[in-house]
Amino acid sequence: MSRSPYPVGFTQSVEIVVRPLIVPALVSVLSARIDQFTRTYSGFIGALVQVSEQQDAVHMQLNWVSREHGVEALAKAKDGEPDLFQIASDLQASAMILRTFIVAADIRTRC
């Protein structure tokens, strides 16, 4: 395994709770947003979209080089582009949890 000795990166995280029938649509919408980030905003490292085992929530995680890159991407969102609140509302989400994290350690398996 390799381990970064210094804080590296910034993560934005959102969990959206929806009815199980809505999960595929939400995954599709969030994946399209991620695709847009990779082409538009500098400092984007990668992302992850996960579905809960109960099939009632979707978690999206965006990883950035720095907090500044993540904040800048949100500030530069294009007019007419739905934000996460609009997406959650359109898909009748029952809850949405937003969090941000500063990466304190990055531990990976060497392949």
Protein backbone atom coordinates (compact mmCIF):
# COMPACT_ATOMS: atom_id res chain seq x y z
CA MET A 1 0.00 0.00 0.00
CA SER A 2 1.03 3.60 -0.52
CA ARG A 3 0.10 6.40 1.81
CA SER A 4 0.29 10.14 1.28
CA PRO A 5 2.02 11.83 4.24
CA TYR A 6 0.30 15.18 3.62
CA PRO A 7 -3.32 16.31 3.32
CA VAL A 8 -4.27 15.92 -0.31
CA GLY A 9 -7.42 17.11 -2.00
CA PHE A 10 -10.94 18.08 -1.21
CA THR A 11 -14.14 16.04 -1.48
CA GLN A 12 -17.72 17.14 -1.97
CA SER A 13 -20.29 14.53 -1.04
CA VAL A 14 -24.05 14.34 -1.46
CA GLU A 15 -26.46 11.58 -0.50
CA ILE A 16 -29.93 11.75 -1.98
CA VAL A 17 -32.72 9.54 -0.64
CA VAL A 18 -35.38 8.57 -3.18
CA ARG A 19 -37.88 5.80 -3.87
CA PRO A 20 -36.18 2.66 -5.24
CA LEU A 21 -37.86 3.06 -8.65
CA ILE A 22 -36.20 6.49 -9.01
CA VAL A 23 -32.65 5.28 -8.29
CA PRO A 24 -31.71 4.45 -11.94
CA ALA A 25 -32.83 7.91 -13.11
CA LEU A 26 -30.89 9.62 -10.33
CA VAL A 27 -27.74 7.62 -11.11
CA SER A 28 -28.08 8.65 -14.75
CA VAL A 29 -28.52 12.36 -13.94
CA LEU A 30 -25.60 12.42 -11.49
CA SER A 31 -23.34 10.52 -13.91
CA ALA A 32 -24.11 13.09 -16.61
CA ARG A 33 -23.18 15.88 -14.16
CA ILE A 34 -19.90 14.17 -13.42
CA ASP A 35 -19.17 13.86 -17.13
CA GLN A 36 -19.73 17.61 -17.43
CA PHE A 37 -17.31 18.30 -14.54
CA THR A 38 -14.54 16.27 -16.17
CA ARG A 39 -14.77 18.33 -19.35
CA THR A 40 -15.41 21.78 -17.88
CA TYR A 41 -13.71 22.42 -14.55
CA SER A 42 -10.01 22.37 -13.73
CA GLY A 43 -8.80 20.54 -10.66
CA PHE A 44 -11.26 17.67 -11.00
CA ILE A 45 -9.64 14.38 -9.93
CA GLY A 46 -12.49 11.90 -10.08
CA ALA A 47 -15.87 10.89 -8.80
CA LEU A 48 -17.86 8.01 -7.44
CA VAL A 49 -21.58 7.25 -7.62
CA GLN A 50 -22.87 4.57 -5.26
CA VAL A 51 -26.29 3.05 -4.60
CA SER A 52 -27.22 1.91 -1.10
CA GLU A 53 -27.76 -1.80 -0.54
CA GLN A 54 -31.39 -1.00 0.27
CA GLN A 55 -31.71 0.66 -3.18
CA ASP A 56 -33.20 3.79 -1.62
CA ALA A 57 -30.33 6.27 -1.75
CA VAL A 58 -27.61 7.42 -4.12
CA HIS A 59 -24.29 8.83 -2.93
CA MET A 60 -22.12 11.00 -5.19
CA GLN A 61 -18.59 11.98 -4.27
CA LEU A 62 -16.55 14.53 -6.23
CA ASN A 63 -12.80 14.69 -5.62
CA TRP A 64 -10.85 17.88 -6.33
CA VAL A 65 -7.21 18.91 -6.16
CA SER A 66 -8.12 21.59 -3.62
CA ARG A 67 -11.06 23.18 -1.86
CA GLU A 68 -10.65 26.19 -4.13
CA HIS A 69 -11.17 24.03 -7.24
CA GLY A 70 -14.38 22.52 -5.85
CA VAL A 71 -15.79 25.86 -4.75
CA GLU A 72 -14.89 27.44 -8.10
CA ALA A 73 -16.71 24.68 -10.00
CA LEU A 74 -19.90 25.25 -7.99
CA ALA A 75 -19.63 29.01 -8.43
CA LYS A 76 -19.21 28.70 -12.21
CA ALA A 77 -22.21 26.45 -12.78
CA LYS A 78 -23.79 27.40 -16.09
CA ASP A 79 -27.12 29.18 -16.27
CA GLY A 80 -29.94 26.75 -16.91
CA GLU A 81 -27.91 23.86 -15.49
CA PRO A 82 -29.94 22.21 -12.71
CA ASP A 83 -28.26 22.28 -9.32
CA LEU A 84 -28.42 19.39 -6.88
CA PHE A 85 -31.41 20.89 -5.07
CA GLN A 86 -33.34 21.09 -8.35
CA ILE A 87 -32.36 17.53 -9.27
CA ALA A 88 -33.48 16.25 -5.86
CA SER A 89 -36.75 18.17 -6.11
CA ASP A 90 -37.46 16.95 -9.65
CA LEU A 91 -36.96 13.34 -8.55
CA GLN A 92 -39.03 13.80 -5.38
CA ALA A 93 -36.20 13.09 -2.97
CA SER A 94 -37.18 12.71 0.67
CA ALA A 95 -33.77 13.83 1.97
CA MET A 96 -30.46 15.23 0.82
CA ILE A 97 -27.26 15.39 2.86
CA LEU A 98 -24.38 17.57 1.64
CA ARG A 99 -20.91 17.32 3.16
CA THR A 100 -17.39 18.41 2.37
CA PHE A 101 -14.16 16.81 3.47
CA ILE A 102 -10.47 17.64 3.38
CA VAL A 103 -8.51 14.52 2.55
CA ALA A 104 -6.27 13.68 5.51
CA ALA A 105 -4.79 10.48 4.11
CA ASP A 106 -4.91 8.67 0.80
CA ILE A 107 -4.20 4.95 1.18
CA ARG A 108 -4.19 2.74 -1.90
CA THR A 109 -3.15 -0.75 -2.82
CA ARG A 110 -0.29 -0.96 -5.28
CA CYS A 111 -1.07 -3.10 -8.26
